[in-house]
Amino acid sequence: MSEKRFEIIDKQGKLEQFKVIRHNETGILYMHHLVGYAGGLTVLVDSQGKPLIDEEYKQ
């Protein structure tokens, strides 16, 4: 297991940024969106509304 609690696993953009962040204890994925001084964080969900879990993280 990683020593970090959260890890950025994907990042796109410079002025408008999108990041996919993984919680290293559960594997649940979050999206962070940043534009200028505004931003937001949300859990990524599947079509049934359940949190997405990183397939590569699953043991």
C-alpha atoms as a PDB file:
ATOM      1  CA  MET A   1       0.000   0.000   0.000  1.00  0.00           C
ATOM      2  CA  SER A   2       1.181   3.516  -0.752  1.00  0.00           C
ATOM      3  CA  GLU A   3       2.225   5.759   2.108  1.00  0.00           C
ATOM      4  CA  LYS A   4       0.093   8.562   0.644  1.00  0.00           C
ATOM      5  CA  ARG A   5      -3.601   8.614   1.473  1.00  0.00           C
ATOM      6  CA  PHE A   6      -4.504  10.110  -1.931  1.00  0.00           C
ATOM      7  CA  GLU A   7      -2.697   9.859  -5.255  1.00  0.00           C
ATOM      8  CA  ILE A   8      -3.212  11.746  -8.528  1.00  0.00           C
ATOM      9  CA  ILE A   9      -3.487   9.109 -11.237  1.00  0.00           C
ATOM     10  CA  ASP A  10      -4.437  11.313 -14.216  1.00  0.00           C
ATOM     11  CA  LYS A  11      -4.131  15.014 -14.975  1.00  0.00           C
ATOM     12  CA  GLN A  12      -5.235  17.098 -17.975  1.00  0.00           C
ATOM     13  CA  GLY A  13      -5.038  20.774 -18.847  1.00  0.00           C
ATOM     14  CA  LYS A  14      -3.120  23.809 -17.685  1.00  0.00           C
ATOM     15  CA  LEU A  15      -5.506  26.762 -17.282  1.00  0.00           C
ATOM     16  CA  GLU A  16      -8.507  24.495 -16.827  1.00  0.00           C
ATOM     17  CA  GLN A  17      -7.400  21.393 -14.935  1.00  0.00           C
ATOM     18  CA  PHE A  18      -9.009  18.021 -14.483  1.00  0.00           C
ATOM     19  CA  LYS A  19      -7.440  15.513 -12.093  1.00  0.00           C
ATOM     20  CA  VAL A  20      -8.488  11.973 -11.227  1.00  0.00           C
ATOM     21  CA  ILE A  21      -7.515  11.178  -7.649  1.00  0.00           C
ATOM     22  CA  ARG A  22      -7.480   7.731  -6.031  1.00  0.00           C
ATOM     23  CA  HIS A  23      -8.018   7.100  -2.321  1.00  0.00           C
ATOM     24  CA  ASN A  24      -5.279   4.555  -1.630  1.00  0.00           C
ATOM     25  CA  GLU A  25      -7.102   2.717   1.172  1.00  0.00           C
ATOM     26  CA  THR A  26     -10.313   2.023  -0.765  1.00  0.00           C
ATOM     27  CA  GLY A  27      -9.396   2.570  -4.443  1.00  0.00           C
ATOM     28  CA  ILE A  28     -12.349   4.945  -4.904  1.00  0.00           C
ATOM     29  CA  LEU A  29     -11.844   7.541  -7.660  1.00  0.00           C
ATOM     30  CA  TYR A  30     -12.571  11.279  -7.403  1.00  0.00           C
ATOM     31  CA  MET A  31     -12.498  14.055  -9.986  1.00  0.00           C
ATOM     32  CA  HIS A  32     -11.071  17.478  -9.149  1.00  0.00           C
ATOM     33  CA  HIS A  33     -11.848  20.339 -11.569  1.00  0.00           C
ATOM     34  CA  LEU A  34     -10.072  23.682 -11.295  1.00  0.00           C
ATOM     35  CA  VAL A  35     -10.590  26.870 -13.332  1.00  0.00           C
ATOM     36  CA  GLY A  36      -8.804  29.978 -12.081  1.00  0.00           C
ATOM     37  CA  TYR A  37      -9.728  30.361  -8.420  1.00  0.00           C
ATOM     38  CA  ALA A  38     -12.807  28.126  -8.611  1.00  0.00           C
ATOM     39  CA  GLY A  39     -12.825  24.370  -8.249  1.00  0.00           C
ATOM     40  CA  GLY A  40     -14.754  21.349  -7.186  1.00  0.00           C
ATOM     41  CA  LEU A  41     -14.269  17.758  -6.062  1.00  0.00           C
ATOM     42  CA  THR A  42     -16.688  14.891  -6.608  1.00  0.00           C
ATOM     43  CA  VAL A  43     -16.688  11.115  -6.426  1.00  0.00           C
ATOM     44  CA  LEU A  44     -16.884   9.339  -9.794  1.00  0.00           C
ATOM     45  CA  VAL A  45     -19.847   6.959 -10.050  1.00  0.00           C
ATOM     46  CA  ASP A  46     -20.995   4.232 -12.442  1.00  0.00           C
ATOM     47  CA  SER A  47     -24.379   4.076 -14.201  1.00  0.00           C
ATOM     48  CA  GLN A  48     -25.989   2.683 -11.030  1.00  0.00           C
ATOM     49  CA  GLY A  49     -24.663   5.489  -8.831  1.00  0.00           C
ATOM     50  CA  LYS A  50     -22.044   3.348  -7.078  1.00  0.00           C
ATOM     51  CA  PRO A  51     -18.540   4.801  -6.571  1.00  0.00           C
ATOM     52  CA  LEU A  52     -15.997   3.832  -9.226  1.00  0.00           C
ATOM     53  CA  ILE A  53     -13.082   1.772  -7.939  1.00  0.00           C
ATOM     54  CA  ASP A  54      -9.745   1.772  -9.762  1.00  0.00           C
ATOM     55  CA  GLU A  55      -9.495  -1.634 -11.494  1.00  0.00           C
ATOM     56  CA  GLU A  56      -5.676  -1.601 -11.286  1.00  0.00           C
ATOM     57  CA  TYR A  57      -5.904  -0.958  -7.531  1.00  0.00           C
ATOM     58  CA  LYS A  58      -8.144  -3.953  -6.773  1.00  0.00           C
ATOM     59  CA  GLN A  59      -6.201  -6.756  -5.130  1.00  0.00           C
END
